[in-house]
Protein backbone atom coordinates (compact mmCIF):
# COMPACT_ATOMS: atom_id res chain seq x y z
CA MET A 1 -3.77 0.80 -31.52
CA PRO A 2 -5.96 3.91 -31.91
CA LYS A 3 -5.99 6.43 -29.11
CA PHE A 4 -9.52 7.59 -28.55
CA GLU A 5 -10.03 11.18 -27.63
CA TYR A 6 -12.30 11.95 -24.72
CA ALA A 7 -13.58 15.24 -23.42
CA PRO A 8 -12.38 15.95 -19.86
CA ALA A 9 -14.60 14.30 -17.27
CA PRO A 10 -13.37 15.56 -13.91
CA GLU A 11 -14.90 14.23 -10.72
CA SER A 12 -16.28 17.05 -8.59
CA ARG A 13 -14.25 17.85 -5.48
CA SER A 14 -17.22 19.63 -3.93
CA ILE A 15 -18.27 16.39 -2.21
CA VAL A 16 -15.25 16.77 0.09
CA ASP A 17 -15.52 19.25 2.94
CA LEU A 18 -11.86 20.19 3.23
CA GLN A 19 -10.95 21.91 6.47
CA ALA A 20 -8.23 24.52 6.74
CA SER A 21 -6.58 22.59 9.55
CA TYR A 22 -6.77 19.15 11.14
CA GLY A 23 -5.88 18.00 14.64
CA LEU A 24 -4.96 14.66 16.17
CA PHE A 25 -7.68 12.11 16.93
CA VAL A 26 -7.18 10.95 20.51
CA ASP A 27 -9.67 9.35 22.89
CA GLY A 28 -12.57 10.02 20.55
CA GLU A 29 -11.86 13.74 20.09
CA PHE A 30 -9.90 15.91 17.69
CA THR A 31 -7.22 17.75 19.65
CA ASP A 32 -4.27 20.05 19.03
CA GLY A 33 -0.78 18.65 18.65
CA GLY A 34 2.26 19.78 20.56
CA GLY A 35 4.61 19.70 17.57
CA THR A 36 4.99 22.03 14.62
CA ALA A 37 2.04 21.83 12.24
CA PHE A 38 2.82 20.86 8.64
CA LYS A 39 1.08 21.28 5.31
CA THR A 40 -0.25 18.57 3.05
CA VAL A 41 -0.40 19.40 -0.67
CA ASN A 42 -2.11 18.17 -3.79
CA PRO A 43 0.81 16.64 -5.74
CA ALA A 44 -0.96 17.25 -9.06
CA THR A 45 -1.10 21.02 -8.56
CA GLU A 46 1.13 21.78 -5.53
CA GLU A 47 -1.93 23.42 -3.94
CA VAL A 48 -1.87 23.40 -0.15
CA LEU A 49 -4.87 21.35 0.94
CA ALA A 50 -4.68 21.78 4.71
CA GLU A 51 -2.49 22.31 7.73
CA VAL A 52 -2.10 19.21 9.90
CA ALA A 53 -1.07 18.95 13.55
CA GLU A 54 2.16 17.18 14.46
CA ALA A 55 2.14 14.82 17.43
CA ASN A 56 5.10 15.11 19.78
CA GLU A 57 6.17 12.57 22.41
CA ASP A 58 3.57 13.74 24.94
CA ASP A 59 0.80 13.48 22.34
CA VAL A 60 1.84 9.95 21.43
CA ASP A 61 1.89 9.01 25.11
CA ARG A 62 -1.59 10.49 25.52
CA ALA A 63 -2.86 8.42 22.56
CA VAL A 64 -1.31 5.20 23.86
CA ARG A 65 -2.80 5.78 27.32
CA ALA A 66 -6.22 6.35 25.75
CA ALA A 67 -5.84 3.13 23.76
CA ARG A 68 -4.82 1.24 26.90
CA ARG A 69 -7.83 2.49 28.86
CA ALA A 70 -10.17 1.53 26.03
CA TYR A 71 -8.57 -1.90 25.81
CA ASP A 72 -8.75 -2.60 29.55
CA ARG A 73 -12.23 -1.23 30.20
CA VAL A 74 -14.25 -1.61 27.00
CA TRP A 75 -12.84 -3.21 23.86
CA GLY A 76 -10.82 -6.08 25.31
CA PRO A 77 -13.63 -7.42 27.53
CA MET A 78 -16.30 -6.89 24.85
CA PRO A 79 -17.66 -10.14 23.30
CA GLY A 80 -16.63 -10.71 19.72
CA ARG A 81 -20.22 -10.59 18.48
CA GLU A 82 -20.49 -7.04 19.82
CA ARG A 83 -17.20 -5.94 18.30
CA ALA A 84 -18.42 -7.34 15.00
CA LYS A 85 -21.39 -4.97 15.04
CA TYR A 86 -19.06 -1.97 15.13
CA LEU A 87 -16.90 -3.33 12.31
CA PHE A 88 -19.94 -4.05 10.14
CA ARG A 89 -21.15 -0.52 10.85
CA ILE A 90 -17.80 0.99 9.85
CA ALA A 91 -17.76 -1.10 6.66
CA ARG A 92 -21.22 0.10 5.68
CA ILE A 93 -20.39 3.75 6.37
CA LEU A 94 -17.22 3.48 4.30
CA ALA A 95 -19.25 2.07 1.42
CA GLU A 96 -21.85 4.82 1.78
CA ARG A 97 -19.18 7.55 1.82
CA SER A 98 -17.00 5.89 -0.82
CA ARG A 99 -17.15 8.77 -3.30
CA GLU A 100 -16.07 11.24 -0.63
CA PHE A 101 -13.15 9.03 0.37
CA ALA A 102 -12.13 8.43 -3.25
CA VAL A 103 -11.99 12.13 -4.09
CA LEU A 104 -10.07 12.99 -0.94
CA GLU A 105 -7.59 10.15 -1.52
CA THR A 106 -6.95 11.34 -5.07
CA LEU A 107 -6.52 14.96 -3.97
CA ASP A 108 -4.04 14.09 -1.24
CA ASN A 109 -2.17 11.27 -2.97
CA GLY A 110 -2.27 12.07 -6.71
CA LYS A 111 -3.54 8.66 -7.84
CA PRO A 112 -6.18 8.51 -10.63
CA ILE A 113 -9.75 8.76 -9.39
CA LYS A 114 -10.69 5.56 -11.19
CA GLU A 115 -8.15 3.68 -9.05
CA SER A 116 -9.16 5.21 -5.72
CA ARG A 117 -12.86 4.86 -6.67
CA ASP A 118 -12.78 1.36 -8.20
CA VAL A 119 -9.92 -0.34 -6.34
CA ASP A 120 -8.81 1.30 -3.08
CA VAL A 121 -12.06 2.33 -1.43
CA PRO A 122 -14.08 -0.80 -2.35
CA LEU A 123 -11.26 -2.96 -0.95
CA VAL A 124 -11.26 -0.89 2.24
CA SER A 125 -14.92 -1.61 2.83
CA GLN A 126 -14.40 -5.29 1.98
CA TRP A 127 -11.56 -5.50 4.50
CA PHE A 128 -13.82 -4.35 7.32
CA PHE A 129 -16.69 -6.61 6.21
CA TYR A 130 -14.35 -9.61 6.07
CA HIS A 131 -12.83 -9.03 9.50
CA ALA A 132 -16.19 -8.21 11.04
CA GLY A 133 -17.11 -11.78 10.16
CA TRP A 134 -14.08 -13.07 12.08
CA ALA A 135 -14.70 -11.16 15.33
CA ASP A 136 -16.94 -13.84 16.89
CA LYS A 137 -15.11 -16.82 15.33
CA LEU A 138 -11.60 -16.38 16.72
CA ASP A 139 -11.66 -19.92 18.10
CA HIS A 140 -11.28 -21.01 14.46
CA ALA A 141 -8.31 -18.75 13.64
CA GLY A 142 -5.87 -21.63 14.01
CA LEU A 143 -4.62 -20.76 17.51
CA GLY A 144 -6.79 -23.12 19.50
CA PRO A 145 -9.73 -22.21 21.74
CA ASN A 146 -10.20 -18.74 23.15
CA PRO A 147 -7.19 -16.88 21.67
CA GLN A 148 -6.51 -13.53 23.31
CA PRO A 149 -5.83 -10.07 21.87
CA LEU A 150 -2.37 -8.59 22.37
CA GLY A 151 -3.38 -5.18 23.74
CA VAL A 152 -2.42 -1.87 22.13
CA ALA A 153 -1.26 -1.96 18.50
CA ALA A 154 1.02 0.76 17.09
CA GLN A 155 0.55 0.99 13.34
CA VAL A 156 2.55 3.06 10.84
CA ILE A 157 1.29 3.20 7.27
CA PRO A 158 2.74 4.51 3.98
CA TRP A 159 1.65 7.14 1.48
CA ASN A 160 1.03 4.96 -1.58
CA PHE A 161 -2.26 3.39 -0.39
CA PRO A 162 -3.16 5.53 2.63
CA LEU A 163 -6.72 4.36 3.29
CA LEU A 164 -6.21 0.79 2.10
CA MET A 165 -3.19 0.26 4.34
CA LEU A 166 -5.20 1.70 7.23
CA ALA A 167 -7.87 -0.94 6.61
CA TRP A 168 -5.28 -3.73 6.30
CA LYS A 169 -4.07 -2.88 9.80
CA VAL A 170 -7.02 -1.47 11.74
CA ALA A 171 -9.65 -4.05 10.71
CA PRO A 172 -7.84 -7.22 11.92
CA ALA A 173 -6.58 -5.46 15.05
CA LEU A 174 -10.10 -4.43 16.11
CA ALA A 175 -11.65 -7.76 15.14
CA ALA A 176 -9.15 -9.54 17.41
CA GLY A 177 -9.95 -7.22 20.32
CA ASN A 178 -6.94 -4.88 20.24
CA THR A 179 -7.03 -1.10 20.34
CA VAL A 180 -5.03 1.02 17.93
CA VAL A 181 -2.79 4.06 17.66
CA LEU A 182 -2.16 4.72 13.97
CA LYS A 183 0.23 7.11 12.27
CA PRO A 184 -0.42 7.89 8.59
CA ALA A 185 2.31 9.20 6.29
CA GLU A 186 2.98 12.93 6.54
CA THR A 187 2.21 13.50 2.83
CA THR A 188 -1.16 11.70 2.89
CA PRO A 189 -2.87 12.09 6.28
CA LEU A 190 -6.32 13.28 5.18
CA THR A 191 -8.24 10.05 4.56
CA ALA A 192 -7.04 8.65 7.89
CA LEU A 193 -8.45 11.73 9.60
CA LEU A 194 -11.70 11.35 7.67
CA PHE A 195 -11.75 7.74 8.87
CA ALA A 196 -11.65 9.14 12.41
CA ASP A 197 -14.92 10.85 11.60
CA VAL A 198 -16.32 7.46 10.49
CA CYS A 199 -15.32 6.00 13.86
CA ARG A 200 -17.33 8.70 15.61
CA GLN A 201 -20.24 8.20 13.20
CA ALA A 202 -20.18 4.47 14.01
CA GLU A 203 -20.14 5.38 17.74
CA LEU A 204 -16.97 3.36 18.25
CA PRO A 205 -16.02 3.67 21.94
CA ALA A 206 -13.53 6.46 22.63
CA GLY A 207 -9.90 5.41 22.56
CA VAL A 208 -10.36 2.25 20.50
CA VAL A 209 -8.89 4.01 17.43
CA ASN A 210 -6.47 6.92 17.84
CA ILE A 211 -4.72 8.71 14.98
CA VAL A 212 -1.52 10.72 15.47
CA THR A 213 -0.08 12.64 12.55
CA GLY A 214 3.50 13.61 11.92
CA ALA A 215 6.70 12.43 10.26
CA GLY A 216 9.49 10.09 11.28
CA GLU A 217 9.96 11.44 14.80
CA THR A 218 6.29 10.84 15.62
CA GLY A 219 6.63 7.29 14.32
CA ARG A 220 9.73 6.68 16.46
CA HIS A 221 7.90 7.81 19.61
CA LEU A 222 5.03 5.49 18.73
CA VAL A 223 6.87 2.25 17.96
CA SER A 224 9.23 2.67 20.93
CA HIS A 225 6.49 3.45 23.45
CA PRO A 226 6.83 0.97 26.34
CA ASP A 227 3.09 0.33 26.66
CA VAL A 228 2.64 -0.85 23.07
CA ASN A 229 2.20 -4.61 22.58
CA LYS A 230 2.26 -4.90 18.80
CA VAL A 231 3.95 -2.92 16.03
CA ALA A 232 2.83 -3.16 12.40
CA PHE A 233 4.65 -1.22 9.70
CA THR A 234 4.38 -0.93 5.94
CA GLY A 235 7.04 1.13 4.17
CA SER A 236 10.65 1.16 3.10
CA THR A 237 13.20 -1.49 4.02
CA PRO A 238 15.60 1.02 5.71
CA VAL A 239 12.82 2.27 8.02
CA GLY A 240 11.74 -1.32 8.65
CA ARG A 241 15.28 -2.13 9.82
CA GLU A 242 15.20 0.87 12.15
CA ILE A 243 11.90 -0.28 13.65
CA ALA A 244 13.18 -3.84 14.05
CA ARG A 245 16.16 -2.48 16.00
CA ALA A 246 13.86 -0.36 18.19
CA VAL A 247 11.65 -3.35 19.00
CA ALA A 248 14.50 -5.83 19.50
CA GLY A 249 14.83 -6.99 23.10
CA THR A 250 11.21 -6.20 23.98
CA ASP A 251 8.18 -8.48 24.06
CA LYS A 252 6.41 -6.51 21.30
CA ARG A 253 5.10 -8.49 18.34
CA LEU A 254 6.21 -7.12 14.97
CA THR A 255 4.94 -7.30 11.40
CA LEU A 256 6.95 -5.67 8.60
CA GLU A 257 5.77 -5.28 5.00
CA LEU A 258 8.64 -3.63 3.16
CA GLY A 259 10.02 -3.08 -0.32
CA GLY A 260 10.08 -5.26 -3.40
CA LYS A 261 11.52 -5.70 -6.88
CA ALA A 262 9.05 -8.13 -8.40
CA ALA A 263 9.72 -10.12 -11.55
CA ASN A 264 6.86 -10.30 -14.04
CA ILE A 265 7.76 -13.35 -16.18
CA VAL A 266 6.32 -13.74 -19.69
CA PHE A 267 6.81 -17.06 -21.51
CA ASP A 268 6.50 -17.49 -25.28
CA ASP A 269 3.19 -19.34 -24.96
CA ALA A 270 1.53 -16.58 -22.92
CA PRO A 271 -1.68 -14.95 -24.16
CA MET A 272 0.02 -11.82 -25.49
CA ASP A 273 -2.82 -9.33 -25.29
CA GLN A 274 -3.53 -10.24 -21.67
CA ALA A 275 0.17 -10.33 -20.81
CA VAL A 276 0.73 -6.82 -22.15
CA GLU A 277 -2.20 -5.56 -20.09
CA GLY A 278 -0.75 -7.37 -17.09
CA ILE A 279 2.65 -5.73 -17.62
CA VAL A 280 0.99 -2.30 -17.79
CA ARG A 281 -1.08 -3.00 -14.67
CA GLY A 282 1.94 -4.45 -12.93
CA ILE A 283 4.14 -1.36 -13.20
CA PHE A 284 2.00 1.66 -14.09
CA PHE A 285 -0.87 1.06 -11.65
CA ASN A 286 -0.69 3.83 -9.02
CA GLN A 287 2.29 5.35 -10.92
CA GLY A 288 4.39 2.38 -9.83
CA HIS A 289 4.02 3.44 -6.19
CA VAL A 290 3.39 -0.18 -5.25
CA CYS A 291 5.72 -2.31 -3.13
CA CYS A 292 4.73 -5.41 -5.11
CA ALA A 293 4.93 -3.67 -8.53
CA GLY A 294 6.19 -5.79 -11.41
CA SER A 295 9.16 -3.49 -11.94
CA ARG A 296 11.32 -6.16 -13.63
CA LEU A 297 9.92 -7.63 -16.82
CA LEU A 298 11.50 -10.99 -17.66
CA VAL A 299 10.44 -11.94 -21.17
CA GLN A 300 11.40 -15.07 -23.07
CA GLU A 301 13.92 -14.16 -25.76
CA SER A 302 11.94 -15.66 -28.65
CA VAL A 303 9.02 -13.25 -28.12
CA ALA A 304 10.86 -10.28 -26.60
CA GLU A 305 10.66 -8.11 -29.72
CA GLU A 306 6.94 -8.77 -30.18
CA VAL A 307 6.16 -8.10 -26.50
CA LEU A 308 8.11 -4.84 -26.48
CA ASP A 309 6.45 -3.62 -29.68
CA ARG A 310 3.01 -4.33 -28.24
CA LEU A 311 3.95 -2.82 -24.90
CA LYS A 312 5.13 0.44 -26.45
CA THR A 313 1.99 0.65 -28.56
CA ARG A 314 -0.15 0.17 -25.44
CA MET A 315 1.88 2.64 -23.39
CA ALA A 316 1.34 5.28 -26.06
CA THR A 317 -2.40 5.15 -25.29
CA LEU A 318 -2.01 5.79 -21.55
CA ARG A 319 -3.45 9.12 -20.47
CA LEU A 320 -1.37 11.06 -17.98
CA GLY A 321 -2.85 14.12 -16.33
CA ASP A 322 -5.46 15.43 -13.91
CA PRO A 323 -5.98 12.61 -11.37
CA LEU A 324 -9.57 13.69 -10.82
CA ASP A 325 -10.37 13.13 -14.52
CA LYS A 326 -12.16 9.79 -14.90
CA ASN A 327 -10.20 9.10 -18.12
CA THR A 328 -6.77 9.44 -16.54
CA ASP A 329 -4.61 6.31 -16.38
CA VAL A 330 -1.44 7.74 -14.82
CA GLY A 331 -1.62 10.35 -12.08
CA ALA A 332 0.93 12.46 -10.22
CA ILE A 333 4.01 11.36 -8.29
CA ASN A 334 3.19 11.75 -4.61
CA SER A 335 5.86 14.28 -3.66
CA ALA A 336 8.78 16.31 -4.98
CA GLU A 337 11.08 14.16 -2.86
CA GLN A 338 9.84 10.94 -4.46
CA LEU A 339 10.04 12.47 -7.93
CA GLY A 340 13.67 13.32 -7.25
CA ARG A 341 14.39 9.71 -6.23
CA ILE A 342 12.80 8.38 -9.43
CA ARG A 343 14.75 10.79 -11.61
CA ASP A 344 18.04 9.98 -9.88
CA LEU A 345 17.67 6.22 -10.12
CA ALA A 346 16.41 6.35 -13.72
CA ALA A 347 19.45 8.47 -14.59
CA THR A 348 21.70 5.64 -13.43
CA GLY A 349 20.03 3.48 -16.09
CA ASP A 350 21.22 5.96 -18.71
CA ASP A 351 24.68 6.16 -17.16
CA GLU A 352 25.05 2.38 -17.08
CA GLY A 353 24.15 1.98 -20.75
CA ALA A 354 20.51 0.86 -20.73
CA ASP A 355 18.19 2.14 -23.47
CA ARG A 356 15.39 4.42 -22.28
CA TRP A 357 11.99 4.78 -23.97
CA SER A 358 9.17 6.91 -22.58
CA ALA A 359 5.59 7.06 -23.70
CA PRO A 360 4.90 10.23 -25.70
CA CYS A 361 2.90 12.47 -23.40
CA GLU A 362 2.84 16.06 -22.32
CA LEU A 363 3.61 16.63 -18.66
CA PRO A 364 1.59 19.32 -16.83
CA GLU A 365 3.57 22.43 -15.93
CA ARG A 366 2.71 22.32 -12.21
CA GLY A 367 2.84 19.35 -9.90
CA TYR A 368 5.05 16.27 -9.79
CA TRP A 369 5.01 14.11 -12.90
CA TYR A 370 6.99 11.35 -14.55
CA ALA A 371 6.19 9.75 -17.90
CA PRO A 372 5.77 5.95 -18.06
CA THR A 373 9.22 4.68 -18.98
CA ILE A 374 10.87 1.40 -19.92
CA PHE A 375 14.55 0.49 -20.04
CA THR A 376 15.81 -2.25 -22.36
CA GLY A 377 19.31 -3.64 -22.62
CA VAL A 378 19.24 -4.09 -18.86
CA THR A 379 21.44 -6.63 -17.07
CA GLN A 380 21.29 -7.86 -13.52
CA ALA A 381 24.24 -5.61 -12.70
CA HIS A 382 22.26 -2.45 -13.40
CA ARG A 383 20.99 -0.54 -10.37
CA ILE A 384 17.57 -0.17 -12.04
CA ALA A 385 17.33 -3.99 -12.04
CA ARG A 386 18.30 -4.31 -8.39
CA GLU A 387 16.91 -1.30 -6.50
CA GLU A 388 13.32 -0.34 -5.85
CA ILE A 389 12.47 2.75 -7.93
CA PHE A 390 8.88 3.08 -6.68
CA GLY A 391 7.79 4.90 -9.81
CA PRO A 392 6.52 4.25 -13.35
CA VAL A 393 9.82 2.79 -14.58
CA LEU A 394 10.13 -0.75 -15.96
CA SER A 395 13.41 -2.63 -16.43
CA VAL A 396 13.30 -5.28 -19.17
CA LEU A 397 15.49 -8.39 -19.13
CA THR A 398 15.28 -11.53 -21.25
CA PHE A 399 15.70 -15.25 -20.58
CA ARG A 400 15.84 -18.45 -22.62
CA THR A 401 14.81 -21.24 -20.24
CA PRO A 402 12.56 -21.54 -17.18
CA ALA A 403 15.65 -22.22 -15.05
CA GLU A 404 17.24 -18.96 -16.21
CA ALA A 405 13.99 -17.10 -15.45
CA ILE A 406 13.93 -18.51 -11.92
CA GLU A 407 17.57 -17.63 -11.34
CA LYS A 408 17.10 -14.04 -12.48
CA ALA A 409 13.79 -13.58 -10.68
CA ASN A 410 15.26 -14.75 -7.38
CA ASN A 411 18.45 -12.70 -7.82
CA THR A 412 17.24 -9.85 -5.61
CA PRO A 413 17.41 -9.04 -1.91
CA TYR A 414 13.62 -8.74 -1.96
CA GLY A 415 10.94 -11.43 -2.07
CA LEU A 416 7.52 -9.84 -2.00
CA SER A 417 5.75 -10.79 -5.25
CA ALA A 418 6.11 -12.19 -8.75
CA GLY A 419 3.98 -12.89 -11.82
CA VAL A 420 3.97 -15.73 -14.36
CA TRP A 421 2.35 -15.59 -17.80
CA THR A 422 1.94 -18.91 -19.62
CA GLU A 423 -0.86 -21.16 -20.84
CA LYS A 424 0.60 -24.21 -19.09
CA GLY A 425 -0.82 -24.86 -15.64
CA SER A 426 2.00 -27.25 -14.79
CA ARG A 427 4.56 -24.54 -15.57
CA ILE A 428 2.73 -22.09 -13.33
CA LEU A 429 2.85 -24.50 -10.41
CA ALA A 430 6.49 -25.37 -11.01
CA MET A 431 7.49 -21.70 -11.19
CA ALA A 432 5.45 -20.75 -8.12
CA ASP A 433 7.16 -23.52 -6.20
CA GLN A 434 10.63 -22.16 -6.97
CA LEU A 435 10.06 -18.40 -6.86
CA ARG A 436 11.09 -16.87 -3.53
CA ALA A 437 8.17 -14.49 -3.33
CA GLY A 438 5.37 -14.19 -0.82
CA VAL A 439 2.77 -13.74 -3.55
CA VAL A 440 2.88 -15.25 -7.05
CA TRP A 441 0.18 -14.19 -9.51
CA ALA A 442 -0.59 -16.39 -12.52
CA ASN A 443 -1.81 -14.69 -15.70
CA THR A 444 -2.77 -11.61 -13.71
CA PHE A 445 -1.03 -9.04 -11.49
CA ASN A 446 -1.76 -6.74 -8.57
CA GLN A 447 -4.89 -8.54 -7.41
CA PHE A 448 -5.82 -8.31 -3.72
CA ASP A 449 -8.43 -10.00 -1.57
CA PRO A 450 -9.08 -9.65 2.17
CA ALA A 451 -9.15 -13.44 2.57
CA SER A 452 -5.70 -13.89 1.01
CA PRO A 453 -2.54 -13.46 3.11
CA PHE A 454 0.05 -10.99 1.81
CA GLY A 455 3.68 -10.58 2.83
CA GLY A 456 7.25 -11.26 1.81
CA TYR A 457 10.57 -12.99 2.29
CA LYS A 458 14.07 -11.64 2.83
CA GLU A 459 14.29 -7.82 2.85
CA SER A 460 10.60 -7.56 1.98
CA GLY A 461 9.80 -8.16 5.64
CA TYR A 462 8.09 -10.81 7.70
CA GLY A 463 4.62 -11.64 8.93
CA ARG A 464 1.45 -11.65 6.87
CA GLU A 465 -1.51 -9.32 6.47
CA GLY A 466 -4.91 -10.45 5.25
CA GLY A 467 -6.78 -13.69 5.74
CA ARG A 468 -6.53 -15.91 8.78
CA HIS A 469 -2.75 -15.57 8.82
CA GLY A 470 -2.94 -11.79 9.12
CA LEU A 471 -5.59 -11.98 11.81
CA SER A 472 -3.50 -14.39 13.89
CA SER A 473 -0.68 -11.82 14.11
CA TYR A 474 -2.98 -9.80 16.41
CA LEU A 475 -3.78 -12.79 18.64
CA GLU A 476 -2.05 -14.93 21.20
CA ALA A 477 -2.93 -18.55 21.89
CA SER A 478 -4.46 -19.24 25.29
CA ARG A 479 -2.13 -20.82 27.82
């Protein structure tokens, strides 16, 4: 496969008005934080982008009290048709400012601009449009007539899809009539703070959305606050367990979307060109920083050699480099800490006897980078086949029969997603019925839609986000 050469085509960062420092967004205003401010950096260059306030326990309490006031006095009593107007307004503003959000997301996160521009930000706008449509139709959400909001929602989101995860949580919460206190990840807080500006532009009543920044301690204060009615978290399984323990014994509702180790299963009758593209999209999209990434490739033994040859040829054409360049396919790893985790876990693949192959590419001297990598000769005993790497590393296993594929795919503590590649519709349905995964894609991978519920089994968490099912997790049936 020829590798076409393109001249650099960097997106301009001048559209983003980066501030030297950012505060908390509480009760409709940006305020100082009581903790120790921290820096957020561009992972592609290690450039410090801004200093960000840290919320301490008093700040979190102030944000929750603001959210409670807004819920009791304004947002809770407001008719759904009026709430819908605000959500439609936010959706339109997000679409209008999409380029600004895309550039800022790429700067702060390290993902390629073509992903933040063509995937993340459009989905964010769609999420608000979709839930705006639900705000005056809650009687049809499956909970009977006149379902009620829960109150104040505490939401903690990860660094891999900062703005998209914000939309997944904020949009249904507001549509249902709840108010929100949201904590973004400490390495990617900037688009959440820009979203605060959108809330003001949309003239959202003060206190309906509050954003507190900080690390784990800020999150602990938030999820354990006694006046919070709902906790929603997306992130690692260990942190999810900690949150579940903190919430246990209270009347708080909880949704957890945690880790994964998805199997991407390729049968010998699969359309090979599409399957190879699906494998690449499954694991190298967003540098593999995806909880539902297809990080285990299960390929039928009779076509394994052909699939691997095609996959290596395709991987050799991937462009790794400046995330703001519109030609870039693989961007930067989000942080030095995450890069260390990827290196350590990949090294266990070498130690345990798997065969490593990396796409030939030159890594930039500054920033955090990892070449797209596959391991063959992997067994189910290898750590790289069992543990979530959360990076551009693919473990390849083979199978002979559908039953063996099912057994291997389900042999994981996770159950978030899976993919099946075959031309037989009956086989797709049979596989989907037996795979213990919350989402099963057929002849595609990593596709998302606001109307489709998303969530997992086992250590991948519980509850659903998206669609009617996700909306209902912010509602209570009338008594």
